[in-house]
Every structure is written in C-alpha cells, then in structure tokens.
Amino acid sequence: MGRAVVARSVEHLATVGEQPSCGDVDAAELCRSLREEAPEAGTALEALLDQLFDDLIPRSFTTPGPGYLAYIPGGGVYPAALADFIADTTNRYTGVWTAAPRWWQLEANALDWLRDWMGFPAGTAGLFTTGGSGPPSTPSSARASAISVPTSAPERCTRPTRGIISIGKAAKLAGIAEDRVRLIPVDEDFRMDVDALSAAIAGDRAAGLRPFLVVSTAGTTNTGAVDPLEDIADLCAREQLWHHIDGAYGAFFHMVPELRPLLAACRAPTR
C-alpha cells in the first residue's frame, strides 16, 4: 500500500507542470455524482487511487502548479509530506509535553527561531496552526478593521455598519455582535486610512460605544499592501487601544534586512 501511494504521488508531482491549473469541473454536478450510501464492504486501494488521481484530483485546482496564480493556496513540499506521514503513523501525544518531550522540543525550537528572526523579546509565546482559518479565533486575521463594543447596554447599534468576514468570525466566537465590527476605508494603495480610523473611533465613542481593538495588516493576501503600521500604532497608543498586526503574507519579510524598515512596527518596542 505504501509503495502504491508513494508511486502515484511522485508521478503526480513529476507531472504537475503539465497539468491544467483548474479542471473543467461543474462542482455541483460532481458532488451529486459522488453521493452514495455507506458501503457494505471495502474497496481495493488500487481502485481508489485510480479514482483519485485519474478523475477527482484533475478536476480540482492544481495549487502546486506553476500556472496557479489565483489566491492563497500553494503547493506543499515532498519532505513535509513524508514528515506528516511519520507523524500520522507514530501518532505521538503532545498535549502534555512530558508524554513526548523530544517531539515537543522540536516544535518549541522552531517557534524560538521564528521569535528571534522577527525580533520579538525573549519569552514571547506562539503556536503553529493548521492553516489560515485558525488564527482569526484569537481574534487576529482581518483587513483594515476595528471593533467597538458597548459601554453599558447590550442593545445593538442602530447605525448602519459593514462587517468583514475574517475578523467577523473572531468577533462571533468572542460573543461580539456583527454590528460592532467596523470596516475602515483604505487609500488608493489599499492601505488603511488612519484619519478615517481616527474618525471612526471618535464617532463610536460619541455614540456611547467603547472601541478596544484595531487590526492592521502587514501585507494583504490580495494586494500585498502594508498598512501605515507606525501611524496606526501611535494612534492606538494615544487612544489606549489594543493594536493587532495580522501577518498575512508580509510579516516574515521582516527577516529580510532591506525590507525591515517597512515592517518596523512588527518588532516589539524596546522602551
């Protein structure tokens, strides 16, 4: 079984440059055709591999391919697939560090490396997530947004507001109503308008609300725009607001000396 799976996977990777970026897929029809009752017996692995690699995989986005330029997903690397295979088969429990101390330390080492590369102070904590949908629950991922909460009464704000999807998820998980999420306008370079942010904070406070969090972005997924992080940080300091910077695509460019000034606000203050 291992040889069969690896052989098909290697063949897939070896030909990825020749595969179409997107199959001729009618998603609704394809899903309807795959509906079936629970099987009474198992199916031979070879038949399943044929269905996967000959029919289902070609009818989906080829994210590892050179022609895929659509959005966030990218291709994995073969060594990482082997590492996942080892992790899945050995299945060590790491919820308690003493249960697998060496495995746990390997992850802690990688987090320490990232901390140092980003210039964060000693003692900074972190964790790896399985993808981009996990971090928003902190709440984190957003595009040029701010959140306001009521100072007292729980009634919904009657003024029309627009929510955004990613930070909206985090707000819902935190029990914050959708109409407390503010979408801040951006300039012609798709960077947060700091004056508009300041006006939104003042307006919400005048309406009896209490802004507490501003989320800016260090390199958006769609445009690569970097918000004026220093100006936003200064505003948040004056207004006593929590400022969260969503790393998105750009934060790790802080490790490149030539680009570090653009992302200076990502570094913890030394004062």
C-alpha atoms as a PDB file:
ATOM      1  CA  MET A   1       0.000   0.000   0.000  1.00  0.00           C
ATOM      2  CA  GLY A   2       2.834   2.391   0.842  1.00  0.00           C
ATOM      3  CA  ARG A   3       4.615   1.745  -2.436  1.00  0.00           C
ATOM      4  CA  ALA A   4       1.397   2.218  -4.418  1.00  0.00           C
ATOM      5  CA  VAL A   5       0.533   5.526  -2.739  1.00  0.00           C
ATOM      6  CA  VAL A   6       4.056   6.925  -2.997  1.00  0.00           C
ATOM      7  CA  ALA A   7       4.359   5.921  -6.652  1.00  0.00           C
ATOM      8  CA  ARG A   8       1.150   7.732  -7.614  1.00  0.00           C
ATOM      9  CA  SER A   9       2.089  10.767  -5.519  1.00  0.00           C
ATOM     10  CA  VAL A  10       5.557  11.029  -7.075  1.00  0.00           C
ATOM     11  CA  GLU A  11       4.076  10.680 -10.547  1.00  0.00           C
ATOM     12  CA  HIS A  12       1.630  13.463  -9.733  1.00  0.00           C
ATOM     13  CA  LEU A  13       4.411  15.798  -8.559  1.00  0.00           C
ATOM     14  CA  ALA A  14       6.624  14.945 -11.531  1.00  0.00           C
ATOM     15  CA  THR A  15       3.914  15.983 -13.997  1.00  0.00           C
ATOM     16  CA  VAL A  16       2.433  18.918 -12.088  1.00  0.00           C
ATOM     17  CA  GLY A  17       3.846  21.405 -14.613  1.00  0.00           C
ATOM     18  CA  GLU A  18       1.840  19.778 -17.383  1.00  0.00           C
ATOM     19  CA  GLN A  19      -1.456  19.642 -15.528  1.00  0.00           C
ATOM     20  CA  PRO A  20      -4.176  22.269 -16.040  1.00  0.00           C
ATOM     21  CA  SER A  21      -4.465  24.828 -13.259  1.00  0.00           C
ATOM     22  CA  CYS A  22      -8.189  24.186 -12.980  1.00  0.00           C
ATOM     23  CA  GLY A  23     -10.136  21.187 -14.204  1.00  0.00           C
ATOM     24  CA  ASP A  24     -13.334  21.502 -16.206  1.00  0.00           C
ATOM     25  CA  VAL A  25     -15.312  20.997 -13.050  1.00  0.00           C
ATOM     26  CA  ASP A  26     -19.014  21.500 -12.512  1.00  0.00           C
ATOM     27  CA  ALA A  27     -18.809  21.395  -8.746  1.00  0.00           C
ATOM     28  CA  ALA A  28     -22.499  20.847  -8.086  1.00  0.00           C
ATOM     29  CA  GLU A  29     -22.817  18.043 -10.628  1.00  0.00           C
ATOM     30  CA  LEU A  30     -19.606  16.397  -9.464  1.00  0.00           C
ATOM     31  CA  CYS A  31     -20.748  16.398  -5.854  1.00  0.00           C
ATOM     32  CA  ARG A  32     -24.125  14.941  -6.832  1.00  0.00           C
ATOM     33  CA  SER A  33     -22.413  12.165  -8.787  1.00  0.00           C
ATOM     34  CA  LEU A  34     -20.334  11.192  -5.760  1.00  0.00           C
ATOM     35  CA  ARG A  35     -23.234  10.790  -3.357  1.00  0.00           C
ATOM     36  CA  GLU A  36     -23.615   7.218  -2.166  1.00  0.00           C
ATOM     37  CA  GLU A  37     -24.833   5.158   0.730  1.00  0.00           C
ATOM     38  CA  ALA A  38     -22.401   3.764   3.258  1.00  0.00           C
ATOM     39  CA  PRO A  39     -20.698   0.776   1.586  1.00  0.00           C
ATOM     40  CA  GLU A  40     -21.236  -2.730   2.894  1.00  0.00           C
ATOM     41  CA  ALA A  41     -17.654  -3.717   2.020  1.00  0.00           C
ATOM     42  CA  GLY A  42     -14.326  -2.077   1.486  1.00  0.00           C
ATOM     43  CA  THR A  43     -12.749  -1.170  -1.855  1.00  0.00           C
ATOM     44  CA  ALA A  44      -9.318  -2.191  -3.091  1.00  0.00           C
ATOM     45  CA  LEU A  45      -6.723   0.555  -2.686  1.00  0.00           C
ATOM     46  CA  GLU A  46      -5.713   0.483  -6.357  1.00  0.00           C
ATOM     47  CA  ALA A  47      -9.254   1.301  -7.446  1.00  0.00           C
ATOM     48  CA  LEU A  48      -9.421   4.205  -5.019  1.00  0.00           C
ATOM     49  CA  LEU A  49      -6.080   5.555  -6.212  1.00  0.00           C
ATOM     50  CA  ASP A  50      -7.234   5.352  -9.822  1.00  0.00           C
ATOM     51  CA  GLN A  51     -10.375   7.318  -8.989  1.00  0.00           C
ATOM     52  CA  LEU A  52      -8.417   9.915  -7.039  1.00  0.00           C
ATOM     53  CA  PHE A  53      -5.545  10.535  -9.442  1.00  0.00           C
ATOM     54  CA  ASP A  54      -7.345   9.917 -12.740  1.00  0.00           C
ATOM     55  CA  ASP A  55     -10.669  11.631 -12.043  1.00  0.00           C
ATOM     56  CA  LEU A  56     -11.040  13.628  -8.841  1.00  0.00           C
ATOM     57  CA  ILE A  57      -7.641  15.325  -8.496  1.00  0.00           C
ATOM     58  CA  PRO A  58      -7.528  16.522 -12.149  1.00  0.00           C
ATOM     59  CA  ARG A  59     -10.964  18.086 -11.667  1.00  0.00           C
ATOM     60  CA  SER A  60      -9.772  20.429  -8.941  1.00  0.00           C
ATOM     61  CA  PHE A  61      -7.352  23.339  -8.641  1.00  0.00           C
ATOM     62  CA  THR A  62      -3.717  22.350  -9.185  1.00  0.00           C
ATOM     63  CA  THR A  63      -2.364  24.601  -6.462  1.00  0.00           C
ATOM     64  CA  PRO A  64       1.247  23.298  -6.632  1.00  0.00           C
ATOM     65  CA  GLY A  65       1.415  24.008 -10.373  1.00  0.00           C
ATOM     66  CA  PRO A  66       3.309  26.929 -11.938  1.00  0.00           C
ATOM     67  CA  GLY A  67       0.162  28.205 -13.636  1.00  0.00           C
ATOM     68  CA  TYR A  68      -1.862  28.574 -10.449  1.00  0.00           C
ATOM     69  CA  LEU A  69      -1.873  32.272  -9.571  1.00  0.00           C
ATOM     70  CA  ALA A  70      -5.357  32.619  -8.151  1.00  0.00           C
ATOM     71  CA  TYR A  71      -5.218  33.060  -4.415  1.00  0.00           C
ATOM     72  CA  ILE A  72      -3.806  31.818  -1.121  1.00  0.00           C
ATOM     73  CA  PRO A  73      -3.317  28.029  -1.515  1.00  0.00           C
ATOM     74  CA  GLY A  74       0.088  26.859  -2.613  1.00  0.00           C
ATOM     75  CA  GLY A  75       1.806  23.558  -3.101  1.00  0.00           C
ATOM     76  CA  GLY A  76       3.269  21.513  -0.305  1.00  0.00           C
ATOM     77  CA  VAL A  77       6.784  20.128  -0.437  1.00  0.00           C
ATOM     78  CA  TYR A  78       7.606  16.438  -0.581  1.00  0.00           C
ATOM     79  CA  PRO A  79       9.763  16.326   2.601  1.00  0.00           C
ATOM     80  CA  ALA A  80       6.838  17.846   4.525  1.00  0.00           C
ATOM     81  CA  ALA A  81       4.556  15.099   3.186  1.00  0.00           C
ATOM     82  CA  LEU A  82       6.991  12.487   4.476  1.00  0.00           C
ATOM     83  CA  ALA A  83       7.116  14.250   7.844  1.00  0.00           C
ATOM     84  CA  ASP A  84       3.310  14.213   8.011  1.00  0.00           C
ATOM     85  CA  PHE A  85       3.365  10.501   7.199  1.00  0.00           C
ATOM     86  CA  ILE A  86       5.741   9.815  10.088  1.00  0.00           C
ATOM     87  CA  ALA A  87       3.718  11.989  12.461  1.00  0.00           C
ATOM     88  CA  ASP A  88       0.463  10.294  11.479  1.00  0.00           C
ATOM     89  CA  THR A  89       1.790   6.748  11.761  1.00  0.00           C
ATOM     90  CA  THR A  90       3.658   7.195  15.050  1.00  0.00           C
ATOM     91  CA  ASN A  91       0.825   9.388  16.399  1.00  0.00           C
ATOM     92  CA  ARG A  92       2.609  10.672  19.470  1.00  0.00           C
ATOM     93  CA  TYR A  93       0.547  12.596  22.010  1.00  0.00           C
ATOM     94  CA  THR A  94       1.919  16.107  22.546  1.00  0.00           C
ATOM     95  CA  GLY A  95      -0.897  17.657  24.587  1.00  0.00           C
ATOM     96  CA  VAL A  96       1.337  17.159  27.638  1.00  0.00           C
ATOM     97  CA  TRP A  97       4.997  17.858  26.935  1.00  0.00           C
ATOM     98  CA  THR A  98       6.277  15.042  29.149  1.00  0.00           C
ATOM     99  CA  ALA A  99       4.428  12.496  27.001  1.00  0.00           C
ATOM    100  CA  ALA A 100       6.711  13.212  24.037  1.00  0.00           C
ATOM    101  CA  PRO A 101       9.374  15.655  25.264  1.00  0.00           C
ATOM    102  CA  ARG A 102      11.705  15.457  22.276  1.00  0.00           C
ATOM    103  CA  TRP A 103       8.903  15.943  19.757  1.00  0.00           C
ATOM    104  CA  TRP A 104       7.569  18.829  21.800  1.00  0.00           C
ATOM    105  CA  GLN A 105      11.020  20.441  21.956  1.00  0.00           C
ATOM    106  CA  LEU A 106      11.412  20.292  18.164  1.00  0.00           C
ATOM    107  CA  GLU A 107       8.324  22.479  17.774  1.00  0.00           C
ATOM    108  CA  ALA A 108       9.456  24.757  20.584  1.00  0.00           C
ATOM    109  CA  ASN A 109      12.799  25.187  18.809  1.00  0.00           C
ATOM    110  CA  ALA A 110      11.115  26.241  15.565  1.00  0.00           C
ATOM    111  CA  LEU A 111       8.955  28.753  17.429  1.00  0.00           C
ATOM    112  CA  ASP A 112      12.057  30.153  19.143  1.00  0.00           C
ATOM    113  CA  TRP A 113      13.782  30.559  15.768  1.00  0.00           C
ATOM    114  CA  LEU A 114      10.816  32.488  14.398  1.00  0.00           C
ATOM    115  CA  ARG A 115      10.720  34.646  17.521  1.00  0.00           C
ATOM    116  CA  ASP A 116      14.372  35.566  17.139  1.00  0.00           C
ATOM    117  CA  TRP A 117      14.136  36.168  13.373  1.00  0.00           C
ATOM    118  CA  MET A 118      11.202  38.507  13.916  1.00  0.00           C
ATOM    119  CA  GLY A 119      12.981  40.386  16.700  1.00  0.00           C
ATOM    120  CA  PHE A 120      10.424  39.542  19.379  1.00  0.00           C
ATOM    121  CA  PRO A 121      11.587  39.678  23.013  1.00  0.00           C
ATOM    122  CA  ALA A 122      12.616  36.595  24.966  1.00  0.00           C
ATOM    123  CA  GLY A 123       9.617  34.882  26.498  1.00  0.00           C
ATOM    124  CA  THR A 124       7.337  35.584  23.529  1.00  0.00           C
ATOM    125  CA  ALA A 125       4.963  32.651  23.103  1.00  0.00           C
ATOM    126  CA  GLY A 126       3.420  31.244  19.954  1.00  0.00           C
ATOM    127  CA  LEU A 127       1.912  28.203  18.316  1.00  0.00           C
ATOM    128  CA  PHE A 128       1.566  26.671  14.883  1.00  0.00           C
ATOM    129  CA  THR A 129      -1.894  26.344  13.351  1.00  0.00           C
ATOM    130  CA  THR A 130      -3.072  24.052  10.569  1.00  0.00           C
ATOM    131  CA  GLY A 131      -3.934  26.936   8.245  1.00  0.00           C
ATOM    132  CA  GLY A 132      -5.142  30.479   7.841  1.00  0.00           C
ATOM    133  CA  SER A 133      -8.561  29.889   9.381  1.00  0.00           C
ATOM    134  CA  GLY A 134      -7.196  29.090  12.819  1.00  0.00           C
ATOM    135  CA  PRO A 135      -5.512  32.361  13.809  1.00  0.00           C
ATOM    136  CA  PRO A 136      -8.655  34.542  13.401  1.00  0.00           C
ATOM    137  CA  SER A 137     -10.115  32.957  16.515  1.00  0.00           C
ATOM    138  CA  THR A 138      -7.557  34.828  18.634  1.00  0.00           C
ATOM    139  CA  PRO A 139      -9.071  37.251  17.188  1.00  0.00           C
ATOM    140  CA  SER A 140      -6.494  38.149  14.559  1.00  0.00           C
ATOM    141  CA  SER A 141      -6.907  37.919  10.774  1.00  0.00           C
ATOM    142  CA  ALA A 142      -8.637  40.885   9.222  1.00  0.00           C
ATOM    143  CA  ARG A 143      -8.194  43.571   6.621  1.00  0.00           C
ATOM    144  CA  ALA A 144      -8.063  47.140   7.906  1.00  0.00           C
ATOM    145  CA  SER A 145     -10.701  46.759  10.583  1.00  0.00           C
ATOM    146  CA  ALA A 146     -11.660  47.946  14.024  1.00  0.00           C
ATOM    147  CA  ILE A 147     -14.087  46.634  16.637  1.00  0.00           C
ATOM    148  CA  SER A 148     -16.274  48.608  19.012  1.00  0.00           C
ATOM    149  CA  VAL A 149     -18.222  47.278  21.974  1.00  0.00           C
ATOM    150  CA  PRO A 150     -20.936  48.982  24.051  1.00  0.00           C
ATOM    151  CA  THR A 151     -20.046  50.739  27.276  1.00  0.00           C
ATOM    152  CA  SER A 152     -23.147  49.500  29.059  1.00  0.00           C
ATOM    153  CA  ALA A 153     -26.436  48.477  27.458  1.00  0.00           C
ATOM    154  CA  PRO A 154     -26.288  45.378  25.223  1.00  0.00           C
ATOM    155  CA  GLU A 155     -28.691  46.784  22.611  1.00  0.00           C
ATOM    156  CA  ARG A 156     -27.473  46.567  19.026  1.00  0.00           C
ATOM    157  CA  CYS A 157     -26.152  49.732  17.445  1.00  0.00           C
ATOM    158  CA  THR A 158     -28.708  51.174  15.026  1.00  0.00           C
ATOM    159  CA  ARG A 159     -26.221  52.946  12.767  1.00  0.00           C
ATOM    160  CA  PRO A 160     -25.527  51.005   9.551  1.00  0.00           C
ATOM    161  CA  THR A 161     -22.195  49.197   9.618  1.00  0.00           C
ATOM    162  CA  ARG A 162     -20.366  46.746   7.426  1.00  0.00           C
ATOM    163  CA  GLY A 163     -18.738  43.630   8.811  1.00  0.00           C
ATOM    164  CA  ILE A 164     -15.787  41.783   7.324  1.00  0.00           C
ATOM    165  CA  ILE A 165     -15.590  38.024   7.087  1.00  0.00           C
ATOM    166  CA  SER A 166     -12.326  37.092   8.797  1.00  0.00           C
ATOM    167  CA  ILE A 167     -12.482  39.346  11.834  1.00  0.00           C
ATOM    168  CA  GLY A 168     -16.227  38.773  11.881  1.00  0.00           C
ATOM    169  CA  LYS A 169     -15.605  35.109  12.672  1.00  0.00           C
ATOM    170  CA  ALA A 170     -13.396  36.044  15.584  1.00  0.00           C
ATOM    171  CA  ALA A 171     -15.934  38.583  16.824  1.00  0.00           C
ATOM    172  CA  LYS A 172     -18.694  35.972  16.746  1.00  0.00           C
ATOM    173  CA  LEU A 173     -16.541  33.481  18.643  1.00  0.00           C
ATOM    174  CA  ALA A 174     -15.849  36.174  21.229  1.00  0.00           C
ATOM    175  CA  GLY A 175     -19.573  36.922  21.541  1.00  0.00           C
ATOM    176  CA  ILE A 176     -19.331  40.341  19.847  1.00  0.00           C
ATOM    177  CA  ALA A 177     -22.304  41.335  17.701  1.00  0.00           C
ATOM    178  CA  GLU A 178     -21.723  41.792  13.970  1.00  0.00           C
ATOM    179  CA  ASP A 179     -22.769  45.428  14.102  1.00  0.00           C
ATOM    180  CA  ARG A 180     -19.809  46.169  16.386  1.00  0.00           C
ATOM    181  CA  VAL A 181     -17.322  45.421  13.591  1.00  0.00           C
ATOM    182  CA  ARG A 182     -16.096  48.402  11.592  1.00  0.00           C
ATOM    183  CA  LEU A 183     -14.559  48.269   8.132  1.00  0.00           C
ATOM    184  CA  ILE A 184     -12.133  51.165   7.794  1.00  0.00           C
ATOM    185  CA  PRO A 185     -11.663  52.718   4.314  1.00  0.00           C
ATOM    186  CA  VAL A 186      -8.341  52.400   2.518  1.00  0.00           C
ATOM    187  CA  ASP A 187      -6.405  54.792   0.306  1.00  0.00           C
ATOM    188  CA  GLU A 188      -5.507  54.415  -3.371  1.00  0.00           C
ATOM    189  CA  ASP A 189      -2.761  51.945  -2.410  1.00  0.00           C
ATOM    190  CA  PHE A 190      -5.204  49.814  -0.383  1.00  0.00           C
ATOM    191  CA  ARG A 191      -3.636  50.898   2.922  1.00  0.00           C
ATOM    192  CA  MET A 192      -5.750  51.748   5.928  1.00  0.00           C
ATOM    193  CA  ASP A 193      -6.792  55.396   6.082  1.00  0.00           C
ATOM    194  CA  VAL A 194      -5.568  56.480   9.519  1.00  0.00           C
ATOM    195  CA  ASP A 195      -7.687  59.639   9.507  1.00  0.00           C
ATOM    196  CA  ALA A 196     -10.780  57.526   8.787  1.00  0.00           C
ATOM    197  CA  LEU A 197      -9.792  55.193  11.611  1.00  0.00           C
ATOM    198  CA  SER A 198      -9.440  58.117  13.998  1.00  0.00           C
ATOM    199  CA  ALA A 199     -12.832  59.474  12.930  1.00  0.00           C
ATOM    200  CA  ALA A 200     -14.464  56.059  13.404  1.00  0.00           C
ATOM    201  CA  ILE A 201     -13.039  55.780  16.924  1.00  0.00           C
ATOM    202  CA  ALA A 202     -14.272  59.260  17.820  1.00  0.00           C
ATOM    203  CA  GLY A 203     -17.679  58.612  16.276  1.00  0.00           C
ATOM    204  CA  ASP A 204     -18.196  55.372  18.159  1.00  0.00           C
ATOM    205  CA  ARG A 205     -17.168  56.922  21.445  1.00  0.00           C
ATOM    206  CA  ALA A 206     -19.581  59.798  20.845  1.00  0.00           C
ATOM    207  CA  ALA A 207     -22.303  57.183  20.279  1.00  0.00           C
ATOM    208  CA  GLY A 208     -21.610  55.609  23.659  1.00  0.00           C
ATOM    209  CA  LEU A 209     -19.508  52.729  22.380  1.00  0.00           C
ATOM    210  CA  ARG A 210     -16.057  51.696  23.564  1.00  0.00           C
ATOM    211  CA  PRO A 211     -13.560  50.787  20.842  1.00  0.00           C
ATOM    212  CA  PHE A 212     -10.894  48.426  22.116  1.00  0.00           C
ATOM    213  CA  LEU A 213      -9.155  46.692  19.184  1.00  0.00           C
ATOM    214  CA  VAL A 214      -7.666  47.772  15.862  1.00  0.00           C
ATOM    215  CA  VAL A 215      -6.417  45.164  13.387  1.00  0.00           C
ATOM    216  CA  SER A 216      -3.959  46.269  10.728  1.00  0.00           C
ATOM    217  CA  THR A 217      -2.251  44.156   8.084  1.00  0.00           C
ATOM    218  CA  ALA A 218       1.395  43.597   7.162  1.00  0.00           C
ATOM    219  CA  GLY A 219       0.951  42.577   3.541  1.00  0.00           C
ATOM    220  CA  THR A 220      -2.575  41.673   2.485  1.00  0.00           C
ATOM    221  CA  THR A 221      -3.259  38.431   0.675  1.00  0.00           C
ATOM    222  CA  ASN A 222      -4.890  40.126  -2.317  1.00  0.00           C
ATOM    223  CA  THR A 223      -2.687  43.171  -2.959  1.00  0.00           C
ATOM    224  CA  GLY A 224       0.375  42.864  -0.733  1.00  0.00           C
ATOM    225  CA  ALA A 225      -0.484  46.248   0.792  1.00  0.00           C
ATOM    226  CA  VAL A 226       1.168  47.121   4.101  1.00  0.00           C
ATOM    227  CA  ASP A 227      -0.861  49.409   6.317  1.00  0.00           C
ATOM    228  CA  PRO A 228       0.850  52.504   7.829  1.00  0.00           C
ATOM    229  CA  LEU A 229       1.692  50.427  10.879  1.00  0.00           C
ATOM    230  CA  GLU A 230       3.665  53.054  12.787  1.00  0.00           C
ATOM    231  CA  ASP A 231       0.930  55.685  12.441  1.00  0.00           C
ATOM    232  CA  ILE A 232      -1.740  53.175  13.477  1.00  0.00           C
ATOM    233  CA  ALA A 233       0.379  52.086  16.445  1.00  0.00           C
ATOM    234  CA  ASP A 234       0.805  55.707  17.557  1.00  0.00           C
ATOM    235  CA  LEU A 235      -2.936  56.320  17.260  1.00  0.00           C
ATOM    236  CA  CYS A 236      -3.718  53.188  19.252  1.00  0.00           C
ATOM    237  CA  ALA A 237      -1.231  54.217  21.942  1.00  0.00           C
ATOM    238  CA  ARG A 238      -2.880  57.643  22.239  1.00  0.00           C
ATOM    239  CA  GLU A 239      -6.363  56.134  22.291  1.00  0.00           C
ATOM    240  CA  GLN A 240      -5.344  53.259  24.589  1.00  0.00           C
ATOM    241  CA  LEU A 241      -6.469  50.572  22.136  1.00  0.00           C
ATOM    242  CA  TRP A 242      -5.088  47.103  21.548  1.00  0.00           C
ATOM    243  CA  HIS A 243      -3.305  47.045  18.180  1.00  0.00           C
ATOM    244  CA  HIS A 244      -3.026  43.658  16.481  1.00  0.00           C
ATOM    245  CA  ILE A 245      -0.981  43.290  13.271  1.00  0.00           C
ATOM    246  CA  ASP A 246      -2.136  40.475  11.016  1.00  0.00           C
ATOM    247  CA  GLY A 247       0.968  38.945   9.446  1.00  0.00           C
ATOM    248  CA  ALA A 248      -0.955  37.730   6.368  1.00  0.00           C
ATOM    249  CA  TYR A 249       1.655  37.437   3.615  1.00  0.00           C
ATOM    250  CA  GLY A 250       4.102  40.144   4.572  1.00  0.00           C
ATOM    251  CA  ALA A 251       5.180  39.774   8.191  1.00  0.00           C
ATOM    252  CA  PHE A 252       8.003  37.336   7.525  1.00  0.00           C
ATOM    253  CA  PHE A 253       9.625  39.847   5.175  1.00  0.00           C
ATOM    254  CA  HIS A 254      10.735  41.428   8.446  1.00  0.00           C
ATOM    255  CA  MET A 255      13.516  38.826   8.334  1.00  0.00           C
ATOM    256  CA  VAL A 256      14.903  40.496   5.177  1.00  0.00           C
ATOM    257  CA  PRO A 257      17.143  43.391   6.281  1.00  0.00           C
ATOM    258  CA  GLU A 258      16.286  45.534   3.246  1.00  0.00           C
ATOM    259  CA  LEU A 259      12.545  45.303   3.986  1.00  0.00           C
ATOM    260  CA  ARG A 260      12.713  45.565   7.761  1.00  0.00           C
ATOM    261  CA  PRO A 261      12.043  49.335   7.908  1.00  0.00           C
ATOM    262  CA  LEU A 262       8.700  48.817   6.160  1.00  0.00           C
ATOM    263  CA  LEU A 263       7.619  46.462   8.938  1.00  0.00           C
ATOM    264  CA  ALA A 264       9.350  48.112  11.877  1.00  0.00           C
ATOM    265  CA  ALA A 265       6.101  48.208  13.842  1.00  0.00           C
ATOM    266  CA  CYS A 266       6.072  44.394  13.884  1.00  0.00           C
ATOM    267  CA  ARG A 267       9.028  44.490  16.233  1.00  0.00           C
ATOM    268  CA  ALA A 268       8.290  44.815  19.919  1.00  0.00           C
ATOM    269  CA  PRO A 269       9.246  48.232  21.349  1.00  0.00           C
ATOM    270  CA  THR A 270      12.452  48.299  23.354  1.00  0.00           C
ATOM    271  CA  ARG A 271      11.326  51.029  25.710  1.00  0.00           C
END
